[in-house]
Amino acid sequence: MTTKQTIGEKVKQLRKAKGLTQTDLAGDHMTKSMLSQIENGRALPSMNSLQVLAGRLGVDPGYFLEGEEEAELAPLVREMEAEFKAKNYREVIQRLQPLTERTLPMTIDAARLLEFYVSSLFYTGAGGGEAELERAALIYERFGLFVERAKVQYISYALNFAQNRYADGLELIRRVRKEYEDNKVGNDFIFEIDLHYAESISLSALGDYAGSREAALAALQVSREEGIYYMTDHLYRVLGILALTEGETLAAEQAMKKARAFAEFTESEDSLKLVVIGEIRLAVAKGEYSKVLALAERYPQEDEHYASSVQLMSGIARYHLGQDDEALISLSKAEPGDQVYHPLDRANLLTAYAYRAQICMRRGMKEEALRLSQFAYDQVKEYPPSIYTEMINKTYHELHSY
C-alpha cells in the first residue's frame, strides 16, 4: 500500500543518491519547505508535483506508487543492513536466498538487498552471485543512478579477485572509475578511496609493486585532503606489506608505526589485530625471533581468522632458534585456507612447507622433504616474485640437488 511515508522515503533516497539538495530538487515548482514535508511523510504530493519530481529524479512516476510487495521490502532492507554491518553474513544469506529465487520488483530496495546478499556470499567464500549483481546494476541504471551502478560493479571486482582473475579485476576497477568520473554529481570520497585501494591490491597481485604503492598513496592523499581518514590504518598496512615483500624493513617499520597510530585512534579491534599481525611479520623480517614469540603469545587464541599467520611466524621463529620439534608443530598448522585470496598472502603461508622440508632434510627424512618442497614449489609457479616465492624456490632447488 502506498503511503505518504513510503513516497517521501523514496523521494529522499533518490535525491541523496543523485547528490541533489532539497533546493535543487524543489526548483521553482515548490518550496523547499513543502519538499521537506513530503520527504518526511507529512504531506502527499499532487500527481502533477509527483510527475515533476519523477522527471527531475530520472524515474517513472509509477515508481513512487508501487504496490504493497515493494513497500514491504523497506523494513527488510533496514534489518539486513544491520545484520550486514554486524558481519552476520550467513544470516543475511539465509534470509535473502529465498527472495533471489523469485522475481524481485525493479526497485532500489530490491537492488540493495541483492547487494547485501552477494557481498555476504563473498565474505563467507560461498561464491556465486553474478546474476544477482547484474540485476542490481540494471535496477540502478533504470533509475539513472550511475554512481550506485558503479558501486555494484565494485563488488564484481571482489568476486573476480576471489576467483584469481586479477587482471580482469584491475580492468573492471579502471572501467568503474571512468564510469564514476563521467556520471558523478558530487564527490563520494569513500568510494574513491575504495577504488584506489582495489587498484593497489590488484596491482600487487599482478606483481606491479611500484604501481600498487602509488595507488595506495593516492588513496591516502584523498583521505588526508578530505580529513576523513577512511581505511588509513589499512592502507599503511598495505604499504608495510609491500615494503616487506621487497625486503625494505625500514620502510615497513615506518608504515606499521603509522598503521598502529591510526588503528588506536579508531579503536577498531579488528584493525588492532591486523596491526599486531603486521608487527609480527616485521619482527620475523628483522630476525627478532624472541620478539616474534612474545607477540604471538599475546595474540588472542580465539581468533581463528589469522591463526595460520600467527602459527607460521611462530614456526619460523622457532626454526631459526633451533627448536625444530616446536617449529614443526606450528608450521603444520599454517595452511592457506579457502578465503586467503591474495597471492602474496598465500605465498607467505606456503613458506611453511619449505621450512618443514628443511627440517625434514636435516633429520634425514629426504622423501618427505622433497615432497613438501615440491608441493610449495608447484603452488607458487604462477605467483608474482617476492621474498616468499624466492625462499620457496631456493629451498626446492637446494633439496632437489642432493
Protein backbone atom coordinates (compact mmCIF):
# COMPACT_ATOMS: atom_id res chain seq x y z
CA MET A 1 0.00 0.00 0.00
CA THR A 2 1.36 3.41 -0.95
CA THR A 3 1.56 5.94 1.88
CA LYS A 4 2.89 9.43 2.46
CA GLN A 5 5.80 7.86 4.31
CA THR A 6 6.83 5.44 1.54
CA ILE A 7 6.61 8.15 -1.14
CA GLY A 8 8.65 10.54 0.99
CA GLU A 9 11.31 7.91 1.73
CA LYS A 10 11.69 7.14 -1.97
CA VAL A 11 11.98 10.82 -2.92
CA LYS A 12 14.62 11.42 -0.26
CA GLN A 13 16.55 8.25 -1.14
CA LEU A 14 16.71 9.12 -4.84
CA ARG A 15 17.56 12.78 -4.18
CA LYS A 16 20.50 11.88 -1.95
CA ALA A 17 21.70 9.17 -4.31
CA LYS A 18 21.84 11.74 -7.11
CA GLY A 19 23.68 14.26 -4.92
CA LEU A 20 20.87 16.87 -5.03
CA THR A 21 19.94 19.28 -2.26
CA GLN A 22 16.30 19.94 -1.39
CA THR A 23 16.64 23.34 -3.06
CA ASP A 24 17.96 21.71 -6.25
CA LEU A 25 15.07 19.27 -6.41
CA ALA A 26 12.32 21.71 -5.42
CA GLY A 27 13.38 24.20 -8.07
CA ASP A 28 10.67 26.73 -8.86
CA HIS A 29 7.84 24.21 -8.76
CA MET A 30 7.51 24.02 -4.97
CA THR A 31 9.07 25.47 -1.86
CA LYS A 32 11.89 23.74 -0.04
CA SER A 33 9.59 23.54 2.99
CA MET A 34 6.94 21.65 1.02
CA LEU A 35 9.54 19.21 -0.31
CA SER A 36 10.79 18.67 3.24
CA GLN A 37 7.25 17.84 4.38
CA ILE A 38 6.87 15.36 1.50
CA GLU A 39 10.16 13.67 2.31
CA ASN A 40 9.27 13.39 5.99
CA GLY A 41 5.87 11.86 5.26
CA ARG A 42 3.86 14.84 6.48
CA ALA A 43 2.44 15.77 3.06
CA LEU A 44 1.35 13.91 -0.06
CA PRO A 45 2.36 15.47 -3.39
CA SER A 46 -0.23 16.09 -6.09
CA MET A 47 0.03 13.97 -9.22
CA ASN A 48 1.43 16.98 -11.07
CA SER A 49 4.10 17.51 -8.39
CA LEU A 50 4.88 13.81 -8.41
CA GLN A 51 5.43 13.92 -12.17
CA VAL A 52 7.77 16.91 -11.79
CA LEU A 53 9.76 15.21 -9.03
CA ALA A 54 9.96 11.97 -11.00
CA GLY A 55 11.23 13.82 -14.06
CA ARG A 56 13.94 15.59 -12.11
CA LEU A 57 14.95 12.35 -10.41
CA GLY A 58 15.00 10.39 -13.69
CA VAL A 59 12.33 7.82 -12.82
CA ASP A 60 8.83 6.92 -13.88
CA PRO A 61 6.12 8.44 -11.62
CA GLY A 62 4.79 4.93 -11.10
CA TYR A 63 7.91 4.14 -9.10
CA PHE A 64 6.53 6.19 -6.21
CA LEU A 65 3.17 4.46 -6.40
CA GLU A 66 4.33 0.84 -6.41
CA GLY A 67 2.28 -1.76 -4.55
CA GLU A 68 2.38 -3.45 -1.19
CA GLU A 69 5.04 -6.05 -2.07
CA GLU A 70 7.55 -3.34 -2.91
CA ALA A 71 6.72 -1.32 0.22
CA GLU A 72 7.31 -4.40 2.37
CA LEU A 73 10.96 -4.53 1.27
CA ALA A 74 11.89 -1.31 3.11
CA PRO A 75 11.89 -2.76 6.65
CA LEU A 76 13.74 -5.84 5.37
CA VAL A 77 16.44 -3.57 3.91
CA ARG A 78 16.93 -1.91 7.29
CA GLU A 79 17.08 -5.28 9.03
CA MET A 80 19.55 -6.77 6.55
CA GLU A 81 21.71 -3.65 6.68
CA ALA A 82 22.02 -4.07 10.45
CA GLU A 83 22.88 -7.78 10.07
CA PHE A 84 25.46 -7.00 7.38
CA LYS A 85 27.14 -4.30 9.46
CA ALA A 86 27.31 -6.79 12.33
CA LYS A 87 29.05 -9.22 9.93
CA ASN A 88 26.29 -11.78 10.31
CA TYR A 89 26.82 -12.81 6.69
CA ARG A 90 25.38 -16.30 6.95
CA GLU A 91 22.19 -14.91 8.45
CA VAL A 92 21.92 -12.46 5.53
CA ILE A 93 22.35 -15.29 3.03
CA GLN A 94 19.82 -17.50 4.77
CA ARG A 95 17.22 -14.72 4.88
CA LEU A 96 17.70 -13.42 1.35
CA GLN A 97 18.37 -16.56 -0.69
CA PRO A 98 14.64 -17.42 -0.95
CA LEU A 99 14.00 -13.91 -2.31
CA THR A 100 16.64 -14.28 -5.02
CA GLU A 101 14.90 -17.42 -6.27
CA ARG A 102 11.81 -15.47 -7.29
CA THR A 103 11.30 -12.36 -9.37
CA LEU A 104 12.02 -9.28 -7.29
CA PRO A 105 10.47 -5.91 -8.19
CA MET A 106 12.60 -3.41 -10.09
CA THR A 107 13.08 -1.15 -7.08
CA ILE A 108 16.06 0.38 -5.32
CA ASP A 109 15.26 -1.56 -2.15
CA ALA A 110 15.45 -4.80 -4.15
CA ALA A 111 18.83 -3.73 -5.54
CA ARG A 112 20.16 -3.03 -2.05
CA LEU A 113 19.02 -6.44 -0.82
CA LEU A 114 20.81 -8.06 -3.76
CA GLU A 115 23.98 -6.16 -2.82
CA PHE A 116 23.84 -7.37 0.78
CA TYR A 117 23.27 -10.92 -0.45
CA VAL A 118 26.17 -11.03 -2.92
CA SER A 119 28.59 -9.26 -0.56
CA SER A 120 27.74 -11.84 2.10
CA LEU A 121 28.43 -14.64 -0.38
CA PHE A 122 31.88 -13.14 -0.96
CA TYR A 123 32.74 -12.70 2.72
CA THR A 124 31.76 -16.28 3.52
CA GLY A 125 33.60 -17.67 0.50
CA ALA A 126 30.38 -19.24 -0.77
CA GLY A 127 30.87 -18.00 -4.34
CA GLY A 128 28.27 -17.11 -6.93
CA GLY A 129 26.11 -14.01 -7.10
CA GLU A 130 26.99 -12.78 -10.60
CA ALA A 131 23.38 -12.90 -11.84
CA GLU A 132 22.13 -11.05 -8.76
CA LEU A 133 24.75 -8.33 -9.22
CA GLU A 134 23.76 -7.88 -12.85
CA ARG A 135 20.13 -7.44 -11.83
CA ALA A 136 21.08 -4.87 -9.17
CA ALA A 137 23.10 -2.94 -11.76
CA LEU A 138 20.14 -2.94 -14.16
CA ILE A 139 17.86 -1.56 -11.44
CA TYR A 140 20.22 1.30 -10.68
CA GLU A 141 20.60 2.01 -14.38
CA ARG A 142 16.80 2.14 -14.72
CA PHE A 143 16.68 5.00 -12.22
CA GLY A 144 19.70 6.79 -13.64
CA LEU A 145 21.78 6.03 -10.53
CA PHE A 146 25.03 5.53 -12.37
CA VAL A 147 27.25 6.05 -9.33
CA GLU A 148 25.31 3.36 -7.47
CA ARG A 149 25.67 1.16 -10.54
CA ALA A 150 29.42 1.73 -10.41
CA LYS A 151 29.47 0.70 -6.75
CA VAL A 152 27.70 -2.56 -7.60
CA GLN A 153 30.43 -3.32 -10.12
CA TYR A 154 32.98 -2.80 -7.35
CA ILE A 155 31.51 -5.91 -5.75
CA SER A 156 32.13 -7.69 -9.07
CA TYR A 157 35.79 -6.78 -8.66
CA ALA A 158 35.84 -8.63 -5.33
CA LEU A 159 34.31 -11.70 -6.97
CA ASN A 160 36.95 -11.59 -9.72
CA PHE A 161 39.69 -11.36 -7.11
CA ALA A 162 38.34 -14.33 -5.18
CA GLN A 163 38.49 -16.35 -8.42
CA ASN A 164 42.16 -15.35 -9.05
CA ARG A 165 41.15 -13.21 -12.05
CA TYR A 166 43.39 -10.32 -11.03
CA ALA A 167 43.84 -8.76 -14.49
CA ASP A 168 40.07 -8.86 -15.07
CA GLY A 169 39.53 -7.25 -11.68
CA LEU A 170 42.01 -4.46 -12.45
CA GLU A 171 40.38 -3.75 -15.81
CA LEU A 172 36.96 -3.66 -14.15
CA ILE A 173 38.10 -1.23 -11.43
CA ARG A 174 39.52 1.16 -14.02
CA ARG A 175 36.29 0.95 -16.03
CA VAL A 176 34.25 1.60 -12.89
CA ARG A 177 36.40 4.64 -12.08
CA LYS A 178 35.76 6.10 -15.54
CA GLU A 179 32.01 5.49 -15.21
CA TYR A 180 32.04 7.12 -11.77
CA GLU A 181 34.01 10.14 -13.01
CA ASP A 182 31.75 10.58 -16.05
CA ASN A 183 28.48 10.41 -14.10
CA LYS A 184 29.11 11.73 -10.61
CA VAL A 185 27.21 14.78 -9.41
CA GLY A 186 29.39 15.30 -6.33
CA ASN A 187 32.37 13.52 -4.85
CA ASP A 188 31.95 10.27 -2.95
CA PHE A 189 35.37 10.27 -1.29
CA ILE A 190 34.82 6.96 0.49
CA PHE A 191 34.16 5.27 -2.85
CA GLU A 192 37.18 6.99 -4.43
CA ILE A 193 39.41 5.58 -1.69
CA ASP A 194 37.85 2.14 -2.24
CA LEU A 195 38.72 2.35 -5.93
CA HIS A 196 42.35 3.32 -5.24
CA TYR A 197 42.60 0.51 -2.69
CA ALA A 198 41.18 -2.06 -5.12
CA GLU A 199 43.64 -0.93 -7.78
CA SER A 200 46.51 -1.20 -5.32
CA ILE A 201 45.57 -4.73 -4.28
CA SER A 202 45.07 -5.86 -7.88
CA LEU A 203 48.42 -4.45 -8.99
CA SER A 204 50.27 -6.13 -6.13
CA ALA A 205 48.58 -9.44 -7.02
CA LEU A 206 49.96 -8.99 -10.54
CA GLY A 207 53.47 -8.22 -9.25
CA ASP A 208 53.43 -4.48 -10.01
CA TYR A 209 54.55 -3.38 -6.57
CA ALA A 210 55.52 0.15 -7.62
CA GLY A 211 52.08 0.70 -9.15
CA SER A 212 50.44 -0.80 -6.08
CA ARG A 213 52.34 1.57 -3.80
CA GLU A 214 51.37 4.54 -5.99
CA ALA A 215 47.67 3.62 -5.83
CA ALA A 216 47.79 3.20 -2.03
CA LEU A 217 49.48 6.60 -1.68
CA ALA A 218 46.79 8.13 -3.91
CA ALA A 219 44.13 6.77 -1.54
CA LEU A 220 45.97 8.24 1.45
CA GLN A 221 46.17 11.59 -0.31
CA VAL A 222 42.39 11.70 -0.77
CA SER A 223 42.00 10.73 2.88
CA ARG A 224 44.33 13.50 4.08
CA GLU A 225 42.90 16.20 1.81
CA GLU A 226 39.32 15.49 2.86
CA GLY A 227 40.12 14.76 6.51
CA ILE A 228 38.11 11.55 6.60
CA TYR A 229 40.90 9.02 7.33
CA TYR A 230 38.85 6.17 5.92
CA MET A 231 40.91 2.94 5.79
CA THR A 232 44.06 4.90 6.66
CA ASP A 233 45.35 2.23 9.04
CA HIS A 234 44.69 -0.48 6.47
CA LEU A 235 46.41 1.46 3.68
CA TYR A 236 49.53 1.91 5.81
CA ARG A 237 49.50 -1.84 6.49
CA VAL A 238 49.38 -2.38 2.72
CA LEU A 239 52.42 -0.13 2.31
CA GLY A 240 54.16 -2.03 5.09
CA ILE A 241 53.49 -5.40 3.46
CA LEU A 242 54.68 -4.09 0.09
CA ALA A 243 57.90 -2.91 1.71
CA LEU A 244 58.42 -6.30 3.39
CA THR A 245 57.75 -8.05 0.08
CA GLU A 246 60.70 -6.20 -1.41
CA GLY A 247 62.91 -6.58 1.66
CA GLU A 248 62.65 -2.92 2.75
CA THR A 249 62.37 -3.38 6.51
CA LEU A 250 62.95 0.29 7.43
CA ALA A 251 60.11 1.49 5.19
CA ALA A 252 57.93 -1.33 6.54
CA GLU A 253 58.64 -0.29 10.12
CA GLN A 254 57.69 3.33 9.41
CA ALA A 255 54.45 2.27 7.73
CA MET A 256 53.50 -0.08 10.57
CA LYS A 257 54.02 2.66 13.17
CA LYS A 258 51.54 4.85 11.30
CA ALA A 259 49.15 1.91 10.92
CA ARG A 260 49.18 1.38 14.68
CA ALA A 261 48.63 5.08 15.39
CA PHE A 262 45.52 5.22 13.20
CA ALA A 263 44.21 1.86 14.44
CA GLU A 264 44.47 3.08 18.02
CA PHE A 265 42.76 6.32 17.02
CA THR A 266 39.79 4.46 15.53
CA GLU A 267 39.71 1.97 18.42
CA SER A 268 38.87 -0.79 15.96
CA GLU A 269 39.52 -4.21 17.46
CA ASP A 270 39.90 -5.84 14.04
CA SER A 271 42.35 -3.17 12.89
CA LEU A 272 44.46 -3.56 16.01
CA LYS A 273 44.63 -7.32 15.47
CA LEU A 274 45.83 -6.77 11.91
CA VAL A 275 48.45 -4.30 13.13
CA VAL A 276 49.80 -6.91 15.54
CA ILE A 277 49.99 -9.42 12.66
CA GLY A 278 51.95 -6.85 10.66
CA GLU A 279 54.29 -6.19 13.59
CA ILE A 280 54.97 -9.91 13.98
CA ARG A 281 55.77 -10.17 10.26
CA LEU A 282 58.13 -7.22 10.63
CA ALA A 283 59.88 -8.86 13.60
CA VAL A 284 60.37 -12.02 11.51
CA ALA A 285 61.89 -9.97 8.68
CA LYS A 286 64.28 -8.27 11.12
CA GLY A 287 65.31 -11.57 12.71
CA GLU A 288 63.90 -10.62 16.12
CA TYR A 289 62.70 -14.14 16.86
CA SER A 290 62.24 -13.83 20.62
CA LYS A 291 60.03 -10.80 19.99
CA VAL A 292 58.06 -12.83 17.44
CA LEU A 293 57.26 -15.47 20.04
CA ALA A 294 56.38 -12.87 22.67
CA LEU A 295 53.96 -11.08 20.32
CA ALA A 296 52.46 -14.36 19.13
CA GLU A 297 51.93 -15.49 22.72
CA ARG A 298 49.88 -12.36 23.43
CA TYR A 299 47.78 -12.68 20.27
CA PRO A 300 44.13 -13.71 21.02
CA GLN A 301 43.99 -17.50 20.81
CA GLU A 302 40.29 -17.50 19.95
CA ASP A 303 40.83 -15.52 16.74
CA GLU A 304 40.74 -18.25 14.09
CA HIS A 305 40.83 -15.94 11.06
CA TYR A 306 44.56 -15.13 11.32
CA ALA A 307 45.61 -18.18 13.32
CA SER A 308 47.51 -19.64 10.35
CA SER A 309 49.62 -16.49 10.00
CA VAL A 310 50.50 -16.46 13.70
CA GLN A 311 51.38 -20.17 13.61
CA LEU A 312 53.56 -19.61 10.54
CA MET A 313 55.54 -16.81 12.11
CA SER A 314 55.90 -18.69 15.40
CA GLY A 315 57.17 -21.69 13.44
CA ILE A 316 59.70 -19.59 11.51
CA ALA A 317 60.97 -18.06 14.75
CA ARG A 318 61.35 -21.49 16.39
CA TYR A 319 63.07 -22.81 13.25
CA HIS A 320 65.71 -20.09 13.49
CA LEU A 321 66.05 -20.60 17.25
CA GLY A 322 66.80 -24.28 16.65
CA GLN A 323 63.56 -25.51 18.24
CA ASP A 324 62.73 -27.94 15.45
CA ASP A 325 60.09 -30.01 17.24
CA GLU A 326 58.06 -26.96 18.24
CA ALA A 327 58.64 -25.40 14.82
CA LEU A 328 57.15 -28.41 13.04
CA ILE A 329 54.05 -28.29 15.23
CA SER A 330 53.45 -24.61 14.48
CA LEU A 331 54.32 -24.82 10.79
CA SER A 332 51.98 -27.76 10.23
CA LYS A 333 49.10 -25.51 11.35
CA ALA A 334 49.92 -22.78 8.82
CA GLU A 335 47.56 -23.64 5.99
CA PRO A 336 46.36 -21.14 3.35
CA GLY A 337 42.60 -21.53 3.67
CA ASP A 338 39.98 -21.00 1.00
CA GLN A 339 39.49 -17.37 2.00
CA VAL A 340 43.14 -16.37 1.59
CA TYR A 341 42.88 -14.84 -1.87
CA HIS A 342 45.95 -12.66 -2.40
CA PRO A 343 48.94 -14.49 -3.95
CA LEU A 344 51.37 -12.70 -1.61
CA ASP A 345 49.45 -13.89 1.44
CA ARG A 346 49.20 -17.40 0.03
CA ALA A 347 52.91 -17.47 -0.89
CA ASN A 348 53.80 -16.30 2.61
CA LEU A 349 51.80 -19.14 4.18
CA LEU A 350 53.23 -21.67 1.73
CA THR A 351 56.73 -20.96 3.01
CA ALA A 352 55.67 -23.17 5.94
CA TYR A 353 56.11 -26.18 3.64
CA ALA A 354 59.61 -25.06 2.68
CA TYR A 355 60.65 -24.64 6.32
CA ARG A 356 59.19 -28.04 7.19
CA ALA A 357 61.08 -29.52 4.23
CA GLN A 358 64.38 -28.12 5.52
CA ILE A 359 63.79 -29.58 8.98
CA CYS A 360 62.89 -32.95 7.48
CA MET A 361 66.05 -32.95 5.36
CA ARG A 362 68.16 -32.16 8.43
CA ARG A 363 66.61 -35.18 10.13
CA GLY A 364 67.35 -37.48 7.22
CA MET A 365 63.70 -37.64 6.07
CA LYS A 366 64.64 -36.97 2.47
CA GLU A 367 61.49 -38.32 0.80
CA GLU A 368 59.21 -36.19 2.98
CA ALA A 369 61.46 -33.15 2.50
CA LEU A 370 61.28 -33.50 -1.28
CA ARG A 371 57.51 -33.94 -1.18
CA LEU A 372 56.96 -30.82 0.92
CA SER A 373 59.31 -28.65 -1.11
CA GLN A 374 57.78 -29.92 -4.37
CA PHE A 375 54.27 -29.03 -3.17
CA ALA A 376 55.21 -25.45 -2.26
CA TYR A 377 57.20 -25.02 -5.49
CA ASP A 378 54.26 -26.18 -7.63
CA GLN A 379 51.81 -23.92 -5.81
CA VAL A 380 53.73 -20.67 -6.38
CA LYS A 381 54.75 -21.20 -10.00
CA GLU A 382 52.23 -18.62 -11.25
CA TYR A 383 52.65 -16.20 -8.35
CA PRO A 384 54.48 -12.86 -8.75
CA PRO A 385 58.09 -12.79 -7.50
CA SER A 386 58.55 -11.92 -3.83
CA ILE A 387 60.77 -12.84 -0.88
CA TYR A 388 58.32 -15.68 -0.21
CA THR A 389 58.48 -17.26 -3.67
CA GLU A 390 62.24 -16.73 -3.66
CA MET A 391 62.58 -18.66 -0.40
CA ILE A 392 60.35 -21.49 -1.67
CA ASN A 393 62.18 -21.76 -5.00
CA LYS A 394 65.59 -21.67 -3.33
CA THR A 395 64.60 -24.45 -0.92
CA TYR A 396 63.24 -26.57 -3.76
CA HIS A 397 66.42 -26.30 -5.86
CA GLU A 398 68.73 -26.88 -2.89
CA LEU A 399 66.92 -30.00 -1.68
CA HIS A 400 66.50 -31.48 -5.14
CA SER A 401 70.20 -31.03 -5.90
CA TYR A 402 71.23 -33.56 -3.21
